[in-house]
Amino acid sequence: MAKIAGLKLIKSATGKVTHVTLSMKYHAKLLEDMFDHQEIVQARKGEMVPWDEAKKRINRKFKFKD
């Protein structure tokens, strides 16, 4: 397998890969994108409100008139 800069594989005694270490120097953007994606997935699990209902709630809260 070709070497990839900033990637370190940790193997067990049997040769099976058990851990992967990524260097922030080379893979910071990738890791940031992965963490952002994880947060988006978690946020999507929350309550969904239809736009009309959300608009009504906002108008009531801030005393806007339609």
N, C-alpha and C. Protein backbone atom coordinates (compact mmCIF):
# COMPACT_ATOMS: atom_id res chain seq x y z
N MET A 1 0.84 -1.18 0.00
CA MET A 1 0.00 0.00 0.00
C MET A 1 0.89 1.24 0.00
N ALA A 2 0.50 2.24 -0.77
CA ALA A 2 1.27 3.48 -0.84
C ALA A 2 1.14 4.24 0.47
N LYS A 3 2.18 4.96 0.82
CA LYS A 3 2.15 5.76 2.04
C LYS A 3 1.36 7.04 1.79
N ILE A 4 0.62 7.44 2.81
CA ILE A 4 -0.14 8.68 2.77
C ILE A 4 0.41 9.58 3.87
N ALA A 5 0.78 10.80 3.51
CA ALA A 5 1.36 11.73 4.48
C ALA A 5 0.38 11.98 5.63
N GLY A 6 0.87 11.87 6.85
CA GLY A 6 0.07 12.18 8.03
C GLY A 6 -0.87 11.07 8.46
N LEU A 7 -0.74 9.88 7.89
CA LEU A 7 -1.60 8.75 8.24
C LEU A 7 -0.75 7.68 8.89
N LYS A 8 -1.20 7.21 10.06
CA LYS A 8 -0.47 6.17 10.77
C LYS A 8 -1.46 5.06 11.13
N LEU A 9 -1.16 3.83 10.71
CA LEU A 9 -1.99 2.67 11.03
C LEU A 9 -1.37 1.93 12.20
N ILE A 10 -2.18 1.60 13.19
CA ILE A 10 -1.71 0.82 14.32
C ILE A 10 -2.34 -0.56 14.21
N LYS A 11 -1.49 -1.57 14.20
CA LYS A 11 -1.95 -2.94 13.97
C LYS A 11 -1.81 -3.79 15.23
N SER A 12 -2.67 -4.80 15.33
CA SER A 12 -2.59 -5.76 16.42
C SER A 12 -1.47 -6.76 16.12
N ALA A 13 -1.25 -7.69 17.04
CA ALA A 13 -0.21 -8.70 16.86
C ALA A 13 -0.50 -9.58 15.65
N THR A 14 -1.78 -9.71 15.30
CA THR A 14 -2.15 -10.55 14.15
C THR A 14 -2.07 -9.79 12.84
N GLY A 15 -1.78 -8.51 12.89
CA GLY A 15 -1.65 -7.71 11.68
C GLY A 15 -2.92 -6.98 11.27
N LYS A 16 -3.97 -7.10 12.08
CA LYS A 16 -5.23 -6.42 11.79
C LYS A 16 -5.13 -4.96 12.24
N VAL A 17 -5.59 -4.03 11.38
CA VAL A 17 -5.56 -2.60 11.72
C VAL A 17 -6.59 -2.35 12.82
N THR A 18 -6.14 -1.79 13.94
CA THR A 18 -7.03 -1.52 15.07
C THR A 18 -7.28 -0.04 15.27
N HIS A 19 -6.34 0.81 14.85
CA HIS A 19 -6.47 2.25 15.03
C HIS A 19 -5.88 2.97 13.81
N VAL A 20 -6.42 4.14 13.55
CA VAL A 20 -5.87 5.00 12.50
C VAL A 20 -5.66 6.37 13.12
N THR A 21 -4.48 6.93 12.94
CA THR A 21 -4.16 8.25 13.46
C THR A 21 -3.94 9.18 12.27
N LEU A 22 -4.65 10.32 12.27
CA LEU A 22 -4.49 11.32 11.22
C LEU A 22 -3.81 12.56 11.79
N SER A 23 -2.85 13.09 11.07
CA SER A 23 -2.14 14.29 11.49
C SER A 23 -3.00 15.52 11.18
N MET A 24 -3.12 16.41 12.15
CA MET A 24 -3.86 17.66 11.93
C MET A 24 -3.16 18.52 10.88
N LYS A 25 -1.85 18.39 10.78
CA LYS A 25 -1.09 19.18 9.81
C LYS A 25 -1.58 18.89 8.39
N TYR A 26 -1.85 17.63 8.09
CA TYR A 26 -2.23 17.25 6.74
C TYR A 26 -3.74 17.08 6.54
N HIS A 27 -4.45 16.77 7.61
CA HIS A 27 -5.85 16.38 7.44
C HIS A 27 -6.83 17.22 8.26
N ALA A 28 -6.46 18.42 8.65
CA ALA A 28 -7.31 19.26 9.48
C ALA A 28 -8.65 19.58 8.81
N LYS A 29 -8.63 19.92 7.54
CA LYS A 29 -9.87 20.27 6.83
C LYS A 29 -10.81 19.07 6.74
N LEU A 30 -10.26 17.90 6.44
CA LEU A 30 -11.07 16.68 6.38
C LEU A 30 -11.72 16.38 7.73
N LEU A 31 -10.94 16.47 8.79
CA LEU A 31 -11.47 16.20 10.12
C LEU A 31 -12.53 17.23 10.51
N GLU A 32 -12.29 18.49 10.18
CA GLU A 32 -13.27 19.54 10.46
C GLU A 32 -14.58 19.26 9.73
N ASP A 33 -14.49 18.86 8.47
CA ASP A 33 -15.69 18.53 7.69
C ASP A 33 -16.43 17.34 8.28
N MET A 34 -15.69 16.34 8.76
CA MET A 34 -16.32 15.17 9.37
C MET A 34 -17.08 15.56 10.64
N PHE A 35 -16.45 16.39 11.48
CA PHE A 35 -17.11 16.82 12.71
C PHE A 35 -18.33 17.70 12.41
N ASP A 36 -18.22 18.57 11.42
CA ASP A 36 -19.37 19.40 11.01
C ASP A 36 -20.51 18.52 10.53
N HIS A 37 -20.20 17.50 9.74
CA HIS A 37 -21.23 16.59 9.24
C HIS A 37 -21.93 15.88 10.41
N GLN A 38 -21.14 15.48 11.39
CA GLN A 38 -21.69 14.80 12.56
C GLN A 38 -22.67 15.72 13.30
N GLU A 39 -22.35 17.00 13.43
CA GLU A 39 -23.23 17.95 14.09
C GLU A 39 -24.52 18.16 13.29
N ILE A 40 -24.40 18.21 11.97
CA ILE A 40 -25.57 18.38 11.12
C ILE A 40 -26.52 17.19 11.27
N VAL A 41 -25.96 15.99 11.28
CA VAL A 41 -26.79 14.79 11.43
C VAL A 41 -27.52 14.83 12.76
N GLN A 42 -26.84 15.22 13.83
CA GLN A 42 -27.46 15.32 15.15
C GLN A 42 -28.57 16.37 15.15
N ALA A 43 -28.33 17.50 14.50
CA ALA A 43 -29.33 18.58 14.48
C ALA A 43 -30.57 18.16 13.71
N ARG A 44 -30.41 17.36 12.67
CA ARG A 44 -31.55 16.92 11.88
C ARG A 44 -32.45 15.96 12.63
N LYS A 45 -31.95 15.38 13.72
CA LYS A 45 -32.76 14.46 14.52
C LYS A 45 -33.75 15.22 15.40
N GLY A 46 -33.60 16.52 15.48
CA GLY A 46 -34.48 17.35 16.30
C GLY A 46 -35.86 17.53 15.68
N GLU A 47 -36.67 18.28 16.36
CA GLU A 47 -38.04 18.53 15.92
C GLU A 47 -38.05 19.39 14.65
N MET A 48 -38.84 18.97 13.69
CA MET A 48 -39.02 19.74 12.45
C MET A 48 -40.34 20.50 12.55
N VAL A 49 -40.32 21.77 12.20
CA VAL A 49 -41.51 22.61 12.26
C VAL A 49 -41.77 23.15 10.85
N PRO A 50 -43.00 23.02 10.37
CA PRO A 50 -43.31 23.58 9.04
C PRO A 50 -43.06 25.09 9.03
N TRP A 51 -42.70 25.62 7.85
CA TRP A 51 -42.35 27.04 7.74
C TRP A 51 -43.48 27.94 8.22
N ASP A 52 -44.72 27.65 7.86
CA ASP A 52 -45.84 28.52 8.28
C ASP A 52 -45.94 28.60 9.79
N GLU A 53 -45.78 27.46 10.47
CA GLU A 53 -45.83 27.44 11.93
C GLU A 53 -44.64 28.19 12.53
N ALA A 54 -43.46 28.00 11.97
CA ALA A 54 -42.26 28.70 12.46
C ALA A 54 -42.42 30.21 12.30
N LYS A 55 -42.97 30.63 11.16
CA LYS A 55 -43.19 32.05 10.90
C LYS A 55 -44.16 32.64 11.92
N LYS A 56 -45.22 31.90 12.25
CA LYS A 56 -46.18 32.37 13.25
C LYS A 56 -45.51 32.53 14.61
N ARG A 57 -44.68 31.55 14.98
CA ARG A 57 -43.99 31.61 16.27
C ARG A 57 -43.05 32.81 16.33
N ILE A 58 -42.32 33.05 15.25
CA ILE A 58 -41.39 34.18 15.20
C ILE A 58 -42.15 35.50 15.30
N ASN A 59 -43.25 35.61 14.55
CA ASN A 59 -44.05 36.84 14.58
C ASN A 59 -44.60 37.10 15.97
N ARG A 60 -45.09 36.04 16.65
CA ARG A 60 -45.61 36.20 18.01
C ARG A 60 -44.50 36.60 18.97
N LYS A 61 -43.36 35.93 18.87
CA LYS A 61 -42.26 36.20 19.81
C LYS A 61 -41.74 37.63 19.70
N PHE A 62 -41.58 38.12 18.46
CA PHE A 62 -41.00 39.43 18.25
C PHE A 62 -42.04 40.50 17.95
N LYS A 63 -43.32 40.11 18.08
CA LYS A 63 -44.44 41.02 17.88
C LYS A 63 -44.44 41.68 16.51
N PHE A 64 -44.12 40.87 15.48
CA PHE A 64 -44.19 41.34 14.10
C PHE A 64 -45.63 41.22 13.62
N LYS A 65 -46.01 42.06 12.69
CA LYS A 65 -47.33 41.96 12.09
C LYS A 65 -47.17 41.44 10.67
N ASP A 66 -48.05 40.54 10.29
CA ASP A 66 -47.99 39.96 8.95
C ASP A 66 -48.39 40.92 7.88
